[in-house]
Amino acid sequence: MENKNVYKNEYKVRVTRNAKSVKIVNSRITEPMDITTEILTEINEIEATFFPLQPAYFVTKNSSIILAQAGSTARISCVVKNLGEATVSWIRRKDYHLLTVGLTSYTVDERFQSIHYQNSEKEEINDEDLMDWTLQIRYVQKRDAGLYECQISSHPPTSIFINIQVVASMVKKSIKKASWPSLFATLGCRCRVKFEAEAQIIGSKEKYLKYGSPLQLTCTVLRSPEIPVYIFWYHNNQMVNYDSQKGFNVTLDLGNKTTNLYVAKTMNEHNGNYSCVPSNAHPDSNVVHILSGE
């Protein structure tokens, strides 16, 4: 480049990702300068501050297992670092159906949607190079269970696989809530389909207590990814969560999906069937016998 007088300007610098050089465009003339010394020096200084991007990689662990409750909304996170100009796609592996590319859906099933979180938009993401491409499935059904692929459009493409297991929410709607305790007591059925959400009363299914002794029952909701809206205790088909007049004291810890029923001094009227009935899981029951009552 030959030396010649030009005018000193205010630089506008155009930089592309992965650039090893910069281009100066749209200069505005202010005063004479030497293009060889001034512009090239400026370019060298700018070039020294740019480095090639690192390849994209997954932060989310491969072969993760996600529990989703039937009827609820499931969100499957796929966190990527250094995505650059690449895109993220979600593929359902059982039929190799392309669900989403970026934020665009490629399925007629409107329950599937891609949601993009970046930087501070999500509490867990505090790195400017991290991006979360979440696959959202509304109104989860049992047929949604299986393997899902999160894929980066790198060269060659890279992927991780996430397994969704769907747990049932509760017994059939045709069974009324009030009939659950009697139904389980009559059938004596303890059978459950694998992965269904269910309540479990800790301890033996039959308890024998002396008249006047305390009764304590603890119930926990198992295999439910959702926090129950309520957990009710039934005694012989009567809900007793708020029945302190008969000596029942019920405490709830919905966050830990646990509830306790306590009677300080049992009497003959406390004989019978006790059932733990969550809003989103199969109920459980046991029988209490009060001995030698007056």
C-alpha atoms as a PDB file:
ATOM      1  CA  MET A   1       0.000   0.000   0.000  1.00  0.00           C
ATOM      2  CA  GLU A   2       1.554   3.295  -1.068  1.00  0.00           C
ATOM      3  CA  ASN A   3       1.754   6.276   1.259  1.00  0.00           C
ATOM      4  CA  LYS A   4      -0.581   9.130   0.588  1.00  0.00           C
ATOM      5  CA  ASN A   5      -2.305  11.796   2.554  1.00  0.00           C
ATOM      6  CA  VAL A   6      -5.823  10.920   3.627  1.00  0.00           C
ATOM      7  CA  TYR A   7      -7.921  12.286   6.425  1.00  0.00           C
ATOM      8  CA  LYS A   8      -8.041  11.029   9.989  1.00  0.00           C
ATOM      9  CA  ASN A   9     -11.445   9.574  10.667  1.00  0.00           C
ATOM     10  CA  GLU A  10     -13.736   8.063  13.301  1.00  0.00           C
ATOM     11  CA  TYR A  11     -13.671   4.325  12.655  1.00  0.00           C
ATOM     12  CA  LYS A  12     -16.637   2.013  12.369  1.00  0.00           C
ATOM     13  CA  VAL A  13     -15.364  -1.525  12.735  1.00  0.00           C
ATOM     14  CA  ARG A  14     -17.202  -4.511  11.275  1.00  0.00           C
ATOM     15  CA  VAL A  15     -16.331  -7.850  12.843  1.00  0.00           C
ATOM     16  CA  THR A  16     -17.764 -11.284  12.069  1.00  0.00           C
ATOM     17  CA  ARG A  17     -17.722 -14.301  14.414  1.00  0.00           C
ATOM     18  CA  ASN A  18     -14.555 -16.375  14.125  1.00  0.00           C
ATOM     19  CA  ALA A  19     -12.892 -13.420  12.395  1.00  0.00           C
ATOM     20  CA  LYS A  20      -9.109 -13.212  12.310  1.00  0.00           C
ATOM     21  CA  SER A  21      -9.181  -9.746  10.772  1.00  0.00           C
ATOM     22  CA  VAL A  22     -11.380  -6.668  10.844  1.00  0.00           C
ATOM     23  CA  LYS A  23     -12.669  -4.319   8.210  1.00  0.00           C
ATOM     24  CA  ILE A  24     -12.909  -0.540   8.615  1.00  0.00           C
ATOM     25  CA  VAL A  25     -15.976   0.900   6.924  1.00  0.00           C
ATOM     26  CA  ASN A  26     -17.906   4.156   6.616  1.00  0.00           C
ATOM     27  CA  SER A  27     -15.119   6.498   7.742  1.00  0.00           C
ATOM     28  CA  ARG A  28     -15.824  10.150   8.432  1.00  0.00           C
ATOM     29  CA  ILE A  29     -13.152  12.677   7.415  1.00  0.00           C
ATOM     30  CA  THR A  30     -11.764  14.965  10.118  1.00  0.00           C
ATOM     31  CA  GLU A  31      -8.083  15.818   9.420  1.00  0.00           C
ATOM     32  CA  PRO A  32      -5.101  14.586   7.329  1.00  0.00           C
ATOM     33  CA  MET A  33      -3.284  11.379   8.379  1.00  0.00           C
ATOM     34  CA  ASP A  34      -0.938   8.769   6.964  1.00  0.00           C
ATOM     35  CA  ILE A  35      -2.966   5.658   5.996  1.00  0.00           C
ATOM     36  CA  THR A  36       0.034   3.313   6.324  1.00  0.00           C
ATOM     37  CA  THR A  37       0.883   4.158   9.915  1.00  0.00           C
ATOM     38  CA  GLU A  38      -2.482   5.118  11.331  1.00  0.00           C
ATOM     39  CA  ILE A  39      -4.991   2.661   9.864  1.00  0.00           C
ATOM     40  CA  LEU A  40      -2.733  -0.398   9.919  1.00  0.00           C
ATOM     41  CA  THR A  41      -1.710   0.291  13.495  1.00  0.00           C
ATOM     42  CA  GLU A  42      -5.374   0.536  14.441  1.00  0.00           C
ATOM     43  CA  ILE A  43      -6.152  -2.760  12.676  1.00  0.00           C
ATOM     44  CA  ASN A  44      -3.319  -4.559  14.433  1.00  0.00           C
ATOM     45  CA  GLU A  45      -4.469  -3.335  17.806  1.00  0.00           C
ATOM     46  CA  ILE A  46      -8.020  -4.514  17.189  1.00  0.00           C
ATOM     47  CA  GLU A  47      -6.947  -7.859  15.772  1.00  0.00           C
ATOM     48  CA  ALA A  48      -5.029  -8.646  18.934  1.00  0.00           C
ATOM     49  CA  THR A  49      -8.241  -8.588  20.982  1.00  0.00           C
ATOM     50  CA  PHE A  50     -10.138 -11.239  18.956  1.00  0.00           C
ATOM     51  CA  PHE A  51      -9.742 -15.017  19.205  1.00  0.00           C
ATOM     52  CA  PRO A  52     -11.423 -17.875  17.309  1.00  0.00           C
ATOM     53  CA  LEU A  53     -14.510 -19.261  19.106  1.00  0.00           C
ATOM     54  CA  GLN A  54     -14.249 -22.587  20.887  1.00  0.00           C
ATOM     55  CA  PRO A  55     -16.367 -25.439  19.472  1.00  0.00           C
ATOM     56  CA  ALA A  56     -19.904 -25.814  20.790  1.00  0.00           C
ATOM     57  CA  TYR A  57     -20.489 -28.453  23.448  1.00  0.00           C
ATOM     58  CA  PHE A  58     -23.275 -29.688  25.731  1.00  0.00           C
ATOM     59  CA  VAL A  59     -23.453 -28.765  29.407  1.00  0.00           C
ATOM     60  CA  THR A  60     -26.485 -31.001  29.974  1.00  0.00           C
ATOM     61  CA  LYS A  61     -25.405 -34.566  30.728  1.00  0.00           C
ATOM     62  CA  ASN A  62     -25.949 -37.254  28.132  1.00  0.00           C
ATOM     63  CA  SER A  63     -28.341 -40.144  28.922  1.00  0.00           C
ATOM     64  CA  SER A  64     -30.246 -38.103  31.495  1.00  0.00           C
ATOM     65  CA  ILE A  65     -33.592 -39.471  32.730  1.00  0.00           C
ATOM     66  CA  ILE A  66     -36.558 -37.112  33.150  1.00  0.00           C
ATOM     67  CA  LEU A  67     -39.764 -38.049  35.000  1.00  0.00           C
ATOM     68  CA  ALA A  68     -42.912 -36.438  33.610  1.00  0.00           C
ATOM     69  CA  GLN A  69     -46.361 -36.799  35.093  1.00  0.00           C
ATOM     70  CA  ALA A  70     -49.250 -37.644  32.777  1.00  0.00           C
ATOM     71  CA  GLY A  71     -51.403 -34.609  32.112  1.00  0.00           C
ATOM     72  CA  SER A  72     -48.760 -32.122  33.266  1.00  0.00           C
ATOM     73  CA  THR A  73     -46.296 -29.954  31.314  1.00  0.00           C
ATOM     74  CA  ALA A  74     -42.804 -31.408  30.913  1.00  0.00           C
ATOM     75  CA  ARG A  75     -39.765 -29.239  30.174  1.00  0.00           C
ATOM     76  CA  ILE A  76     -36.592 -30.950  28.958  1.00  0.00           C
ATOM     77  CA  SER A  77     -33.550 -28.738  29.251  1.00  0.00           C
ATOM     78  CA  CYS A  78     -30.645 -28.852  26.785  1.00  0.00           C
ATOM     79  CA  VAL A  79     -27.903 -26.387  27.771  1.00  0.00           C
ATOM     80  CA  VAL A  80     -25.228 -25.617  25.165  1.00  0.00           C
ATOM     81  CA  LYS A  81     -22.067 -23.510  25.380  1.00  0.00           C
ATOM     82  CA  ASN A  82     -20.380 -21.648  22.496  1.00  0.00           C
ATOM     83  CA  LEU A  83     -23.254 -22.292  20.091  1.00  0.00           C
ATOM     84  CA  GLY A  84     -22.154 -19.513  17.736  1.00  0.00           C
ATOM     85  CA  GLU A  85     -24.025 -19.620  14.417  1.00  0.00           C
ATOM     86  CA  ALA A  86     -25.132 -23.237  14.872  1.00  0.00           C
ATOM     87  CA  THR A  87     -28.714 -24.242  15.681  1.00  0.00           C
ATOM     88  CA  VAL A  88     -30.258 -26.703  18.130  1.00  0.00           C
ATOM     89  CA  SER A  89     -32.819 -29.295  17.033  1.00  0.00           C
ATOM     90  CA  TRP A  90     -35.020 -31.734  18.974  1.00  0.00           C
ATOM     91  CA  ILE A  91     -35.731 -35.178  17.486  1.00  0.00           C
ATOM     92  CA  ARG A  92     -38.021 -37.916  18.837  1.00  0.00           C
ATOM     93  CA  ARG A  93     -35.935 -41.033  18.375  1.00  0.00           C
ATOM     94  CA  LYS A  94     -38.615 -43.745  18.348  1.00  0.00           C
ATOM     95  CA  ASP A  95     -39.874 -42.527  14.960  1.00  0.00           C
ATOM     96  CA  TYR A  96     -37.000 -40.130  14.061  1.00  0.00           C
ATOM     97  CA  HIS A  97     -39.521 -37.301  13.911  1.00  0.00           C
ATOM     98  CA  LEU A  98     -37.991 -33.804  13.737  1.00  0.00           C
ATOM     99  CA  LEU A  99     -39.841 -31.764  16.355  1.00  0.00           C
ATOM    100  CA  THR A 100     -38.091 -28.384  16.370  1.00  0.00           C
ATOM    101  CA  VAL A 101     -35.189 -26.496  14.800  1.00  0.00           C
ATOM    102  CA  GLY A 102     -34.327 -23.430  16.807  1.00  0.00           C
ATOM    103  CA  LEU A 103     -37.681 -21.885  17.717  1.00  0.00           C
ATOM    104  CA  THR A 104     -39.464 -23.333  14.671  1.00  0.00           C
ATOM    105  CA  SER A 105     -41.727 -26.374  15.111  1.00  0.00           C
ATOM    106  CA  TYR A 106     -41.829 -29.148  12.511  1.00  0.00           C
ATOM    107  CA  THR A 107     -44.656 -31.203  13.975  1.00  0.00           C
ATOM    108  CA  VAL A 108     -48.417 -30.860  13.729  1.00  0.00           C
ATOM    109  CA  ASP A 109     -48.647 -31.807  17.403  1.00  0.00           C
ATOM    110  CA  GLU A 110     -48.945 -28.374  19.013  1.00  0.00           C
ATOM    111  CA  ARG A 111     -48.096 -29.777  22.435  1.00  0.00           C
ATOM    112  CA  PHE A 112     -44.411 -29.643  21.445  1.00  0.00           C
ATOM    113  CA  GLN A 113     -42.594 -26.303  21.592  1.00  0.00           C
ATOM    114  CA  SER A 114     -38.995 -25.112  21.786  1.00  0.00           C
ATOM    115  CA  ILE A 115     -38.213 -22.427  24.382  1.00  0.00           C
ATOM    116  CA  HIS A 116     -34.935 -20.490  24.349  1.00  0.00           C
ATOM    117  CA  TYR A 117     -33.288 -19.127  27.486  1.00  0.00           C
ATOM    118  CA  GLN A 118     -30.070 -17.120  27.443  1.00  0.00           C
ATOM    119  CA  ASN A 119     -27.906 -15.480  30.102  1.00  0.00           C
ATOM    120  CA  SER A 120     -29.963 -14.130  33.025  1.00  0.00           C
ATOM    121  CA  GLU A 121     -33.309 -15.189  31.535  1.00  0.00           C
ATOM    122  CA  LYS A 122     -33.004 -18.370  33.580  1.00  0.00           C
ATOM    123  CA  GLU A 123     -31.598 -18.463  37.093  1.00  0.00           C
ATOM    124  CA  GLU A 124     -29.279 -21.413  36.444  1.00  0.00           C
ATOM    125  CA  ILE A 125     -27.635 -19.652  33.475  1.00  0.00           C
ATOM    126  CA  ASN A 126     -25.079 -17.034  34.512  1.00  0.00           C
ATOM    127  CA  ASP A 127     -22.607 -17.364  31.625  1.00  0.00           C
ATOM    128  CA  GLU A 128     -23.062 -15.229  28.510  1.00  0.00           C
ATOM    129  CA  ASP A 129     -21.974 -18.143  26.300  1.00  0.00           C
ATOM    130  CA  LEU A 130     -24.558 -20.569  27.737  1.00  0.00           C
ATOM    131  CA  MET A 131     -27.892 -21.123  26.012  1.00  0.00           C
ATOM    132  CA  ASP A 132     -30.745 -23.374  27.104  1.00  0.00           C
ATOM    133  CA  TRP A 133     -32.940 -24.839  24.363  1.00  0.00           C
ATOM    134  CA  THR A 134     -35.805 -26.409  26.313  1.00  0.00           C
ATOM    135  CA  LEU A 135     -38.285 -28.801  24.709  1.00  0.00           C
ATOM    136  CA  GLN A 136     -41.700 -28.241  26.275  1.00  0.00           C
ATOM    137  CA  ILE A 137     -44.408 -30.916  26.076  1.00  0.00           C
ATOM    138  CA  ARG A 138     -47.858 -29.886  27.277  1.00  0.00           C
ATOM    139  CA  TYR A 139     -50.492 -32.351  28.473  1.00  0.00           C
ATOM    140  CA  VAL A 140     -47.983 -35.206  28.668  1.00  0.00           C
ATOM    141  CA  GLN A 141     -49.309 -38.608  27.600  1.00  0.00           C
ATOM    142  CA  LYS A 142     -47.916 -42.092  28.117  1.00  0.00           C
ATOM    143  CA  ARG A 143     -47.080 -42.328  24.406  1.00  0.00           C
ATOM    144  CA  ASP A 144     -44.634 -39.419  24.896  1.00  0.00           C
ATOM    145  CA  ALA A 145     -42.287 -41.680  26.866  1.00  0.00           C
ATOM    146  CA  GLY A 146     -39.008 -42.597  25.213  1.00  0.00           C
ATOM    147  CA  LEU A 147     -35.731 -41.213  23.932  1.00  0.00           C
ATOM    148  CA  TYR A 148     -35.338 -37.621  22.702  1.00  0.00           C
ATOM    149  CA  GLU A 149     -32.284 -36.257  20.898  1.00  0.00           C
ATOM    150  CA  CYS A 150     -30.934 -32.724  21.331  1.00  0.00           C
ATOM    151  CA  GLN A 151     -28.680 -32.003  18.342  1.00  0.00           C
ATOM    152  CA  ILE A 152     -26.235 -29.191  17.500  1.00  0.00           C
ATOM    153  CA  SER A 153     -25.845 -28.442  13.773  1.00  0.00           C
ATOM    154  CA  SER A 154     -22.051 -28.508  13.925  1.00  0.00           C
ATOM    155  CA  HIS A 155     -19.878 -30.288  11.348  1.00  0.00           C
ATOM    156  CA  PRO A 156     -20.342 -33.138  11.989  1.00  0.00           C
ATOM    157  CA  PRO A 157     -23.519 -32.769  14.110  1.00  0.00           C
ATOM    158  CA  THR A 158     -23.234 -33.644  17.804  1.00  0.00           C
ATOM    159  CA  SER A 159     -26.052 -34.923  20.003  1.00  0.00           C
ATOM    160  CA  ILE A 160     -27.090 -35.954  23.488  1.00  0.00           C
ATOM    161  CA  PHE A 161     -30.015 -38.225  24.347  1.00  0.00           C
ATOM    162  CA  ILE A 162     -32.561 -37.753  27.125  1.00  0.00           C
ATOM    163  CA  ASN A 163     -34.983 -40.454  28.259  1.00  0.00           C
ATOM    164  CA  ILE A 164     -38.477 -39.358  29.338  1.00  0.00           C
ATOM    165  CA  GLN A 165     -40.406 -41.679  31.632  1.00  0.00           C
ATOM    166  CA  VAL A 166     -44.089 -40.883  32.099  1.00  0.00           C
ATOM    167  CA  VAL A 167     -45.779 -41.652  35.411  1.00  0.00           C
ATOM    168  CA  ALA A 168     -49.561 -41.868  35.768  1.00  0.00           C
ATOM    169  CA  SER A 169     -51.228 -39.088  37.699  1.00  0.00           C
ATOM    170  CA  MET A 170     -54.034 -40.898  39.528  1.00  0.00           C
ATOM    171  CA  VAL A 171     -56.717 -43.581  39.287  1.00  0.00           C
ATOM    172  CA  LYS A 172     -59.393 -43.343  36.626  1.00  0.00           C
ATOM    173  CA  LYS A 173     -61.680 -40.326  36.822  1.00  0.00           C
ATOM    174  CA  SER A 174     -64.720 -42.595  36.825  1.00  0.00           C
ATOM    175  CA  ILE A 175     -63.859 -43.570  40.419  1.00  0.00           C
ATOM    176  CA  LYS A 176     -65.137 -40.910  42.766  1.00  0.00           C
ATOM    177  CA  LYS A 177     -62.761 -39.592  45.412  1.00  0.00           C
ATOM    178  CA  ALA A 178     -65.076 -40.592  48.255  1.00  0.00           C
ATOM    179  CA  SER A 179     -65.097 -44.206  47.045  1.00  0.00           C
ATOM    180  CA  TRP A 180     -61.303 -44.645  46.898  1.00  0.00           C
ATOM    181  CA  PRO A 181     -60.813 -45.762  50.518  1.00  0.00           C
ATOM    182  CA  SER A 182     -63.631 -48.320  50.423  1.00  0.00           C
ATOM    183  CA  LEU A 183     -62.528 -49.547  46.994  1.00  0.00           C
ATOM    184  CA  PHE A 184     -58.974 -50.263  48.133  1.00  0.00           C
ATOM    185  CA  ALA A 185     -60.140 -51.758  51.428  1.00  0.00           C
ATOM    186  CA  THR A 186     -62.628 -54.056  49.680  1.00  0.00           C
ATOM    187  CA  LEU A 187     -60.288 -55.219  46.942  1.00  0.00           C
ATOM    188  CA  GLY A 188     -57.222 -55.337  49.141  1.00  0.00           C
ATOM    189  CA  CYS A 189     -55.279 -54.519  45.997  1.00  0.00           C
ATOM    190  CA  ARG A 190     -51.692 -53.344  46.379  1.00  0.00           C
ATOM    191  CA  CYS A 191     -50.827 -53.769  42.696  1.00  0.00           C
ATOM    192  CA  ARG A 192     -49.332 -50.836  40.806  1.00  0.00           C
ATOM    193  CA  VAL A 193     -48.144 -50.358  37.277  1.00  0.00           C
ATOM    194  CA  LYS A 194     -44.434 -49.583  37.199  1.00  0.00           C
ATOM    195  CA  PHE A 195     -43.576 -45.872  37.306  1.00  0.00           C
ATOM    196  CA  GLU A 196     -47.063 -44.776  38.385  1.00  0.00           C
ATOM    197  CA  ALA A 197     -47.214 -42.132  41.092  1.00  0.00           C
ATOM    198  CA  GLU A 198     -48.632 -43.518  44.330  1.00  0.00           C
ATOM    199  CA  ALA A 199     -49.033 -42.763  47.993  1.00  0.00           C
ATOM    200  CA  GLN A 200     -47.385 -45.018  50.548  1.00  0.00           C
ATOM    201  CA  ILE A 201     -48.338 -45.248  54.214  1.00  0.00           C
ATOM    202  CA  ILE A 202     -45.161 -46.216  56.024  1.00  0.00           C
ATOM    203  CA  GLY A 203     -45.235 -49.407  58.049  1.00  0.00           C
ATOM    204  CA  SER A 204     -47.471 -52.470  58.158  1.00  0.00           C
ATOM    205  CA  LYS A 205     -50.877 -52.481  56.497  1.00  0.00           C
ATOM    206  CA  GLU A 206     -52.571 -53.524  59.729  1.00  0.00           C
ATOM    207  CA  LYS A 207     -51.885 -51.920  63.092  1.00  0.00           C
ATOM    208  CA  TYR A 208     -53.007 -53.157  66.552  1.00  0.00           C
ATOM    209  CA  LEU A 209     -53.081 -50.547  69.319  1.00  0.00           C
ATOM    210  CA  LYS A 210     -54.143 -50.611  72.930  1.00  0.00           C
ATOM    211  CA  TYR A 211     -57.071 -48.461  73.906  1.00  0.00           C
ATOM    212  CA  GLY A 212     -55.793 -44.990  74.886  1.00  0.00           C
ATOM    213  CA  SER A 213     -52.430 -45.310  73.126  1.00  0.00           C
ATOM    214  CA  PRO A 214     -51.357 -42.801  70.438  1.00  0.00           C
ATOM    215  CA  LEU A 215     -51.748 -43.405  66.723  1.00  0.00           C
ATOM    216  CA  GLN A 216     -49.378 -41.955  64.161  1.00  0.00           C
ATOM    217  CA  LEU A 217     -49.486 -42.574  60.409  1.00  0.00           C
ATOM    218  CA  THR A 218     -47.053 -41.113  57.885  1.00  0.00           C
ATOM    219  CA  CYS A 219     -47.761 -41.002  54.161  1.00  0.00           C
ATOM    220  CA  THR A 220     -45.373 -40.082  51.332  1.00  0.00           C
ATOM    221  CA  VAL A 221     -46.115 -39.595  47.623  1.00  0.00           C
ATOM    222  CA  LEU A 222     -43.723 -41.648  45.478  1.00  0.00           C
ATOM    223  CA  ARG A 223     -42.626 -41.275  41.847  1.00  0.00           C
ATOM    224  CA  SER A 224     -44.463 -37.993  41.334  1.00  0.00           C
ATOM    225  CA  PRO A 225     -42.425 -35.208  39.690  1.00  0.00           C
ATOM    226  CA  GLU A 226     -45.222 -32.760  40.523  1.00  0.00           C
ATOM    227  CA  ILE A 227     -45.998 -31.384  43.994  1.00  0.00           C
ATOM    228  CA  PRO A 228     -49.550 -32.439  44.975  1.00  0.00           C
ATOM    229  CA  VAL A 229     -52.172 -29.753  45.387  1.00  0.00           C
ATOM    230  CA  TYR A 230     -53.467 -31.567  48.471  1.00  0.00           C
ATOM    231  CA  ILE A 231     -53.121 -34.812  50.414  1.00  0.00           C
ATOM    232  CA  PHE A 232     -56.281 -35.881  52.261  1.00  0.00           C
ATOM    233  CA  TRP A 233     -56.643 -38.440  55.032  1.00  0.00           C
ATOM    234  CA  TYR A 234     -59.838 -40.523  55.114  1.00  0.00           C
ATOM    235  CA  HIS A 235     -61.112 -42.549  58.069  1.00  0.00           C
ATOM    236  CA  ASN A 236     -63.847 -44.978  56.974  1.00  0.00           C
ATOM    237  CA  ASN A 237     -64.685 -42.789  53.945  1.00  0.00           C
ATOM    238  CA  GLN A 238     -64.786 -39.547  55.948  1.00  0.00           C
ATOM    239  CA  MET A 239     -62.142 -36.894  55.296  1.00  0.00           C
ATOM    240  CA  VAL A 240     -60.516 -36.007  58.639  1.00  0.00           C
ATOM    241  CA  ASN A 241     -57.882 -33.394  57.767  1.00  0.00           C
ATOM    242  CA  TYR A 242     -59.809 -30.757  59.726  1.00  0.00           C
ATOM    243  CA  ASP A 243     -61.680 -32.995  62.187  1.00  0.00           C
ATOM    244  CA  SER A 244     -59.941 -32.036  65.422  1.00  0.00           C
ATOM    245  CA  GLN A 245     -63.098 -32.727  67.472  1.00  0.00           C
ATOM    246  CA  LYS A 246     -62.548 -36.458  67.031  1.00  0.00           C
ATOM    247  CA  GLY A 247     -58.912 -36.160  68.014  1.00  0.00           C
ATOM    248  CA  PHE A 248     -57.358 -36.113  64.542  1.00  0.00           C
ATOM    249  CA  ASN A 249     -54.348 -33.857  64.005  1.00  0.00           C
ATOM    250  CA  VAL A 250     -53.073 -33.733  60.411  1.00  0.00           C
ATOM    251  CA  THR A 251     -49.883 -31.959  59.316  1.00  0.00           C
ATOM    252  CA  LEU A 252     -48.786 -31.422  55.713  1.00  0.00           C
ATOM    253  CA  ASP A 253     -45.431 -30.860  54.038  1.00  0.00           C
ATOM    254  CA  LEU A 254     -46.469 -30.549  50.394  1.00  0.00           C
ATOM    255  CA  GLY A 255     -42.971 -29.551  49.282  1.00  0.00           C
ATOM    256  CA  ASN A 256     -41.642 -32.917  50.461  1.00  0.00           C
ATOM    257  CA  LYS A 257     -44.892 -34.687  49.467  1.00  0.00           C
ATOM    258  CA  THR A 258     -45.428 -35.954  53.001  1.00  0.00           C
ATOM    259  CA  THR A 259     -48.260 -35.858  55.524  1.00  0.00           C
ATOM    260  CA  ASN A 260     -48.769 -37.129  59.087  1.00  0.00           C
ATOM    261  CA  LEU A 261     -51.943 -38.136  60.892  1.00  0.00           C
ATOM    262  CA  TYR A 262     -51.785 -38.200  64.701  1.00  0.00           C
ATOM    263  CA  VAL A 263     -54.261 -39.167  67.412  1.00  0.00           C
ATOM    264  CA  ALA A 264     -52.974 -38.577  70.945  1.00  0.00           C
ATOM    265  CA  LYS A 265     -55.392 -40.964  72.690  1.00  0.00           C
ATOM    266  CA  THR A 266     -57.186 -43.594  70.641  1.00  0.00           C
ATOM    267  CA  MET A 267     -60.683 -44.865  71.387  1.00  0.00           C
ATOM    268  CA  ASN A 268     -62.992 -47.438  69.827  1.00  0.00           C
ATOM    269  CA  GLU A 269     -64.235 -44.878  67.301  1.00  0.00           C
ATOM    270  CA  HIS A 270     -60.726 -44.742  65.846  1.00  0.00           C
ATOM    271  CA  ASN A 271     -60.989 -48.346  64.608  1.00  0.00           C
ATOM    272  CA  GLY A 272     -61.171 -48.879  60.888  1.00  0.00           C
ATOM    273  CA  ASN A 273     -59.691 -48.080  57.513  1.00  0.00           C
ATOM    274  CA  TYR A 274     -57.313 -45.142  57.007  1.00  0.00           C
ATOM    275  CA  SER A 275     -56.502 -43.897  53.500  1.00  0.00           C
ATOM    276  CA  CYS A 276     -53.989 -41.351  52.237  1.00  0.00           C
ATOM    277  CA  VAL A 277     -55.330 -39.678  49.070  1.00  0.00           C
ATOM    278  CA  PRO A 278     -53.068 -37.235  47.138  1.00  0.00           C
ATOM    279  CA  SER A 279     -54.372 -35.039  44.328  1.00  0.00           C
ATOM    280  CA  ASN A 280     -52.002 -36.533  41.751  1.00  0.00           C
ATOM    281  CA  ALA A 281     -51.286 -40.139  42.729  1.00  0.00           C
ATOM    282  CA  HIS A 282     -52.897 -43.450  43.615  1.00  0.00           C
ATOM    283  CA  PRO A 283     -54.098 -43.584  47.250  1.00  0.00           C
ATOM    284  CA  ASP A 284     -52.903 -46.066  49.868  1.00  0.00           C
ATOM    285  CA  SER A 285     -54.766 -47.594  52.818  1.00  0.00           C
ATOM    286  CA  ASN A 286     -54.247 -49.535  56.004  1.00  0.00           C
ATOM    287  CA  VAL A 287     -56.418 -50.814  58.855  1.00  0.00           C
ATOM    288  CA  VAL A 288     -56.147 -49.882  62.536  1.00  0.00           C
ATOM    289  CA  HIS A 289     -57.500 -52.115  65.316  1.00  0.00           C
ATOM    290  CA  ILE A 290     -58.046 -50.676  68.812  1.00  0.00           C
ATOM    291  CA  LEU A 291     -57.868 -53.444  71.414  1.00  0.00           C
ATOM    292  CA  SER A 292     -59.584 -53.795  74.810  1.00  0.00           C
ATOM    293  CA  GLY A 293     -61.655 -50.629  74.606  1.00  0.00           C
ATOM    294  CA  GLU A 294     -64.182 -49.759  77.284  1.00  0.00           C
END
